[in-house]
Amino acid sequence: MTARPPSRPVRDSDPVRNTAYWERIDCIVAAAPPLSDRQRRTIRAMFSASVVRSDREAA
């Protein structure tokens, strides 16, 4: 069994343009340098802080 990529939001109602949009995004992501451990920690900290904040707002 092969893993399926996650479904993506529709960015354009025209299927051809929507596919082209996501192909451009894939190329940009593939060309980006890998994140350093410090960058990963920073991103994780930002997201975990927003989760804590939204949990407090829901309470």
PDB file of N, CA and C in Angstrom:
ATOM      1  N   MET A   1       0.846  -1.183   0.000  1.00  0.00           N
ATOM      2  CA  MET A   1       0.000   0.000   0.000  1.00  0.00           C
ATOM      3  C   MET A   1       0.891   1.246   0.000  1.00  0.00           C
ATOM      4  N   THR A   2       0.624   2.169  -0.916  1.00  0.00           N
ATOM      5  CA  THR A   2       1.406   3.402  -0.977  1.00  0.00           C
ATOM      6  C   THR A   2       0.666   4.508  -0.244  1.00  0.00           C
ATOM      7  N   ALA A   3       1.431   5.411   0.318  1.00  0.00           N
ATOM      8  CA  ALA A   3       0.839   6.534   1.054  1.00  0.00           C
ATOM      9  C   ALA A   3       0.294   7.553   0.066  1.00  0.00           C
ATOM     10  N   ARG A   4      -0.914   8.015   0.322  1.00  0.00           N
ATOM     11  CA  ARG A   4      -1.505   9.056  -0.510  1.00  0.00           C
ATOM     12  C   ARG A   4      -1.158  10.413   0.069  1.00  0.00           C
ATOM     13  N   PRO A   5      -0.858  11.379  -0.805  1.00  0.00           N
ATOM     14  CA  PRO A   5      -0.614  12.722  -0.282  1.00  0.00           C
ATOM     15  C   PRO A   5      -1.913  13.275   0.314  1.00  0.00           C
ATOM     16  N   PRO A   6      -1.800  14.153   1.276  1.00  0.00           N
ATOM     17  CA  PRO A   6      -3.017  14.718   1.867  1.00  0.00           C
ATOM     18  C   PRO A   6      -3.795  15.518   0.829  1.00  0.00           C
ATOM     19  N   SER A   7      -5.104  15.546   0.967  1.00  0.00           N
ATOM     20  CA  SER A   7      -5.896  16.342   0.031  1.00  0.00           C
ATOM     21  C   SER A   7      -5.576  17.816   0.251  1.00  0.00           C
ATOM     22  N   ARG A   8      -5.648  18.552  -0.798  1.00  0.00           N
ATOM     23  CA  ARG A   8      -5.286  19.968  -0.735  1.00  0.00           C
ATOM     24  C   ARG A   8      -6.507  20.827  -0.994  1.00  0.00           C
ATOM     25  N   PRO A   9      -6.516  22.026  -0.448  1.00  0.00           N
ATOM     26  CA  PRO A   9      -7.645  22.914  -0.730  1.00  0.00           C
ATOM     27  C   PRO A   9      -7.654  23.307  -2.204  1.00  0.00           C
ATOM     28  N   VAL A  10      -8.807  23.607  -2.707  1.00  0.00           N
ATOM     29  CA  VAL A  10      -8.943  24.061  -4.087  1.00  0.00           C
ATOM     30  C   VAL A  10      -8.623  25.547  -4.109  1.00  0.00           C
ATOM     31  N   ARG A  11      -7.573  25.918  -4.821  1.00  0.00           N
ATOM     32  CA  ARG A  11      -7.143  27.317  -4.877  1.00  0.00           C
ATOM     33  C   ARG A  11      -7.739  28.040  -6.082  1.00  0.00           C
ATOM     34  N   ASP A  12      -8.207  27.273  -7.079  1.00  0.00           N
ATOM     35  CA  ASP A  12      -8.799  27.862  -8.281  1.00  0.00           C
ATOM     36  C   ASP A  12      -9.889  26.908  -8.752  1.00  0.00           C
ATOM     37  N   SER A  13     -11.024  27.436  -9.169  1.00  0.00           N
ATOM     38  CA  SER A  13     -12.133  26.580  -9.587  1.00  0.00           C
ATOM     39  C   SER A  13     -11.829  25.826 -10.886  1.00  0.00           C
ATOM     40  N   ASP A  14     -10.906  26.346 -11.694  1.00  0.00           N
ATOM     41  CA  ASP A  14     -10.487  25.652 -12.914  1.00  0.00           C
ATOM     42  C   ASP A  14      -9.495  24.549 -12.521  1.00  0.00           C
ATOM     43  N   PRO A  15      -9.826  23.280 -12.775  1.00  0.00           N
ATOM     44  CA  PRO A  15      -8.944  22.181 -12.348  1.00  0.00           C
ATOM     45  C   PRO A  15      -7.532  22.261 -12.924  1.00  0.00           C
ATOM     46  N   VAL A  16      -7.394  22.748 -14.147  1.00  0.00           N
ATOM     47  CA  VAL A  16      -6.070  22.853 -14.764  1.00  0.00           C
ATOM     48  C   VAL A  16      -5.230  23.900 -14.026  1.00  0.00           C
ATOM     49  N   ARG A  17      -5.827  25.053 -13.763  1.00  0.00           N
ATOM     50  CA  ARG A  17      -5.102  26.104 -13.036  1.00  0.00           C
ATOM     51  C   ARG A  17      -4.821  25.686 -11.593  1.00  0.00           C
ATOM     52  N   ASN A  18      -5.749  24.964 -10.974  1.00  0.00           N
ATOM     53  CA  ASN A  18      -5.547  24.487  -9.618  1.00  0.00           C
ATOM     54  C   ASN A  18      -4.365  23.524  -9.567  1.00  0.00           C
ATOM     55  N   THR A  19      -4.297  22.598 -10.524  1.00  0.00           N
ATOM     56  CA  THR A  19      -3.187  21.651 -10.587  1.00  0.00           C
ATOM     57  C   THR A  19      -1.873  22.386 -10.813  1.00  0.00           C
ATOM     58  N   ALA A  20      -1.874  23.370 -11.706  1.00  0.00           N
ATOM     59  CA  ALA A  20      -0.661  24.144 -11.982  1.00  0.00           C
ATOM     60  C   ALA A  20      -0.199  24.900 -10.734  1.00  0.00           C
ATOM     61  N   TYR A  21      -1.148  25.437  -9.980  1.00  0.00           N
ATOM     62  CA  TYR A  21      -0.812  26.145  -8.740  1.00  0.00           C
ATOM     63  C   TYR A  21      -0.069  25.218  -7.793  1.00  0.00           C
ATOM     64  N   TRP A  22      -0.616  24.027  -7.551  1.00  0.00           N
ATOM     65  CA  TRP A  22       0.004  23.103  -6.611  1.00  0.00           C
ATOM     66  C   TRP A  22       1.322  22.550  -7.129  1.00  0.00           C
ATOM     67  N   GLU A  23       1.466  22.432  -8.452  1.00  0.00           N
ATOM     68  CA  GLU A  23       2.763  22.021  -9.016  1.00  0.00           C
ATOM     69  C   GLU A  23       3.825  23.087  -8.743  1.00  0.00           C
ATOM     70  N   ARG A  24       3.449  24.362  -8.858  1.00  0.00           N
ATOM     71  CA  ARG A  24       4.394  25.449  -8.540  1.00  0.00           C
ATOM     72  C   ARG A  24       4.782  25.405  -7.065  1.00  0.00           C
ATOM     73  N   ILE A  25       3.816  25.179  -6.202  1.00  0.00           N
ATOM     74  CA  ILE A  25       4.101  25.085  -4.767  1.00  0.00           C
ATOM     75  C   ILE A  25       5.057  23.929  -4.498  1.00  0.00           C
ATOM     76  N   ASP A  26       4.810  22.776  -5.124  1.00  0.00           N
ATOM     77  CA  ASP A  26       5.699  21.613  -4.946  1.00  0.00           C
ATOM     78  C   ASP A  26       7.120  21.927  -5.382  1.00  0.00           C
ATOM     79  N   CYS A  27       7.279  22.652  -6.498  1.00  0.00           N
ATOM     80  CA  CYS A  27       8.619  23.019  -6.978  1.00  0.00           C
ATOM     81  C   CYS A  27       9.315  23.965  -5.999  1.00  0.00           C
ATOM     82  N   ILE A  28       8.573  24.919  -5.465  1.00  0.00           N
ATOM     83  CA  ILE A  28       9.149  25.861  -4.502  1.00  0.00           C
ATOM     84  C   ILE A  28       9.610  25.121  -3.251  1.00  0.00           C
ATOM     85  N   VAL A  29       8.769  24.218  -2.762  1.00  0.00           N
ATOM     86  CA  VAL A  29       9.112  23.458  -1.555  1.00  0.00           C
ATOM     87  C   VAL A  29      10.323  22.565  -1.812  1.00  0.00           C
ATOM     88  N   ALA A  30      10.359  21.919  -2.984  1.00  0.00           N
ATOM     89  CA  ALA A  30      11.477  21.023  -3.306  1.00  0.00           C
ATOM     90  C   ALA A  30      12.791  21.794  -3.426  1.00  0.00           C
ATOM     91  N   ALA A  31      12.729  23.052  -3.849  1.00  0.00           N
ATOM     92  CA  ALA A  31      13.947  23.847  -4.038  1.00  0.00           C
ATOM     93  C   ALA A  31      14.446  24.490  -2.742  1.00  0.00           C
ATOM     94  N   ALA A  32      13.608  24.510  -1.738  1.00  0.00           N
ATOM     95  CA  ALA A  32      13.984  25.162  -0.479  1.00  0.00           C
ATOM     96  C   ALA A  32      15.033  24.336   0.264  1.00  0.00           C
ATOM     97  N   PRO A  33      15.971  25.006   0.918  1.00  0.00           N
ATOM     98  CA  PRO A  33      16.959  24.263   1.709  1.00  0.00           C
ATOM     99  C   PRO A  33      16.290  23.632   2.932  1.00  0.00           C
ATOM    100  N   PRO A  34      16.865  22.565   3.453  1.00  0.00           N
ATOM    101  CA  PRO A  34      16.272  21.951   4.646  1.00  0.00           C
ATOM    102  C   PRO A  34      16.368  22.894   5.845  1.00  0.00           C
ATOM    103  N   LEU A  35      15.439  22.730   6.774  1.00  0.00           N
ATOM    104  CA  LEU A  35      15.451  23.549   7.985  1.00  0.00           C
ATOM    105  C   LEU A  35      16.518  23.047   8.942  1.00  0.00           C
ATOM    106  N   SER A  36      17.116  23.975   9.656  1.00  0.00           N
ATOM    107  CA  SER A  36      18.063  23.598  10.703  1.00  0.00           C
ATOM    108  C   SER A  36      17.261  23.156  11.936  1.00  0.00           C
ATOM    109  N   ASP A  37      17.924  22.504  12.866  1.00  0.00           N
ATOM    110  CA  ASP A  37      17.250  22.102  14.100  1.00  0.00           C
ATOM    111  C   ASP A  37      16.712  23.316  14.850  1.00  0.00           C
ATOM    112  N   ARG A  38      17.457  24.415  14.828  1.00  0.00           N
ATOM    113  CA  ARG A  38      17.003  25.636  15.504  1.00  0.00           C
ATOM    114  C   ARG A  38      15.727  26.174  14.853  1.00  0.00           C
ATOM    115  N   GLN A  39      15.672  26.158  13.527  1.00  0.00           N
ATOM    116  CA  GLN A  39      14.474  26.626  12.838  1.00  0.00           C
ATOM    117  C   GLN A  39      13.275  25.743  13.168  1.00  0.00           C
ATOM    118  N   ARG A  40      13.493  24.434  13.201  1.00  0.00           N
ATOM    119  CA  ARG A  40      12.409  23.511  13.560  1.00  0.00           C
ATOM    120  C   ARG A  40      11.895  23.789  14.976  1.00  0.00           C
ATOM    121  N   ARG A  41      12.812  23.989  15.911  1.00  0.00           N
ATOM    122  CA  ARG A  41      12.405  24.280  17.296  1.00  0.00           C
ATOM    123  C   ARG A  41      11.585  25.566  17.367  1.00  0.00           C
ATOM    124  N   THR A  42      12.023  26.581  16.627  1.00  0.00           N
ATOM    125  CA  THR A  42      11.314  27.865  16.625  1.00  0.00           C
ATOM    126  C   THR A  42       9.896  27.700  16.098  1.00  0.00           C
ATOM    127  N   ILE A  43       9.758  26.978  14.995  1.00  0.00           N
ATOM    128  CA  ILE A  43       8.430  26.769  14.403  1.00  0.00           C
ATOM    129  C   ILE A  43       7.549  25.961  15.345  1.00  0.00           C
ATOM    130  N   ARG A  44       8.103  24.906  15.928  1.00  0.00           N
ATOM    131  CA  ARG A  44       7.323  24.103  16.880  1.00  0.00           C
ATOM    132  C   ARG A  44       6.878  24.944  18.072  1.00  0.00           C
ATOM    133  N   ALA A  45       7.747  25.795  18.565  1.00  0.00           N
ATOM    134  CA  ALA A  45       7.399  26.642  19.709  1.00  0.00           C
ATOM    135  C   ALA A  45       6.279  27.616  19.340  1.00  0.00           C
ATOM    136  N   MET A  46       6.328  28.174  18.142  1.00  0.00           N
ATOM    137  CA  MET A  46       5.279  29.103  17.719  1.00  0.00           C
ATOM    138  C   MET A  46       3.933  28.392  17.630  1.00  0.00           C
ATOM    139  N   PHE A  47       3.919  27.196  17.043  1.00  0.00           N
ATOM    140  CA  PHE A  47       2.658  26.478  16.910  1.00  0.00           C
ATOM    141  C   PHE A  47       2.145  25.983  18.253  1.00  0.00           C
ATOM    142  N   SER A  48       3.021  25.512  19.118  1.00  0.00           N
ATOM    143  CA  SER A  48       2.553  25.032  20.417  1.00  0.00           C
ATOM    144  C   SER A  48       2.036  26.198  21.259  1.00  0.00           C
ATOM    145  N   ALA A  49       2.627  27.369  21.133  1.00  0.00           N
ATOM    146  CA  ALA A  49       2.149  28.549  21.858  1.00  0.00           C
ATOM    147  C   ALA A  49       0.760  28.942  21.363  1.00  0.00           C
ATOM    148  N   SER A  50       0.514  28.840  20.067  1.00  0.00           N
ATOM    149  CA  SER A  50      -0.808  29.199  19.544  1.00  0.00           C
ATOM    150  C   SER A  50      -1.850  28.184  19.969  1.00  0.00           C
ATOM    151  N   VAL A  51      -1.481  26.922  20.119  1.00  0.00           N
ATOM    152  CA  VAL A  51      -2.423  25.902  20.585  1.00  0.00           C
ATOM    153  C   VAL A  51      -2.789  26.175  22.033  1.00  0.00           C
ATOM    154  N   VAL A  52      -1.815  26.493  22.859  1.00  0.00           N
ATOM    155  CA  VAL A  52      -2.079  26.805  24.265  1.00  0.00           C
ATOM    156  C   VAL A  52      -2.985  28.029  24.347  1.00  0.00           C
ATOM    157  N   ARG A  53      -2.702  29.052  23.555  1.00  0.00           N
ATOM    158  CA  ARG A  53      -3.492  30.280  23.573  1.00  0.00           C
ATOM    159  C   ARG A  53      -4.935  29.983  23.155  1.00  0.00           C
ATOM    160  N   SER A  54      -5.144  29.190  22.089  1.00  0.00           N
ATOM    161  CA  SER A  54      -6.496  28.912  21.639  1.00  0.00           C
ATOM    162  C   SER A  54      -7.246  28.041  22.641  1.00  0.00           C
ATOM    163  N   ASP A  55      -6.529  27.158  23.363  1.00  0.00           N
ATOM    164  CA  ASP A  55      -7.167  26.352  24.408  1.00  0.00           C
ATOM    165  C   ASP A  55      -7.668  27.247  25.534  1.00  0.00           C
ATOM    166  N   ARG A  56      -6.876  28.242  25.890  1.00  0.00           N
ATOM    167  CA  ARG A  56      -7.283  29.163  26.961  1.00  0.00           C
ATOM    168  C   ARG A  56      -8.487  29.986  26.537  1.00  0.00           C
ATOM    169  N   GLU A  57      -8.512  30.418  25.265  1.00  0.00           N
ATOM    170  CA  GLU A  57      -9.619  31.224  24.771  1.00  0.00           C
ATOM    171  C   GLU A  57     -10.905  30.407  24.744  1.00  0.00           C
ATOM    172  N   ALA A  58     -10.789  29.102  24.476  1.00  0.00           N
ATOM    173  CA  ALA A  58     -11.976  28.244  24.420  1.00  0.00           C
ATOM    174  C   ALA A  58     -12.556  27.992  25.801  1.00  0.00           C
ATOM    175  N   ALA A  59     -11.733  28.108  26.829  1.00  0.00           N
ATOM    176  CA  ALA A  59     -12.194  27.797  28.197  1.00  0.00           C
ATOM    177  C   ALA A  59     -13.042  28.893  28.793  1.00  0.00           C
TER     178      ALA A  59
END
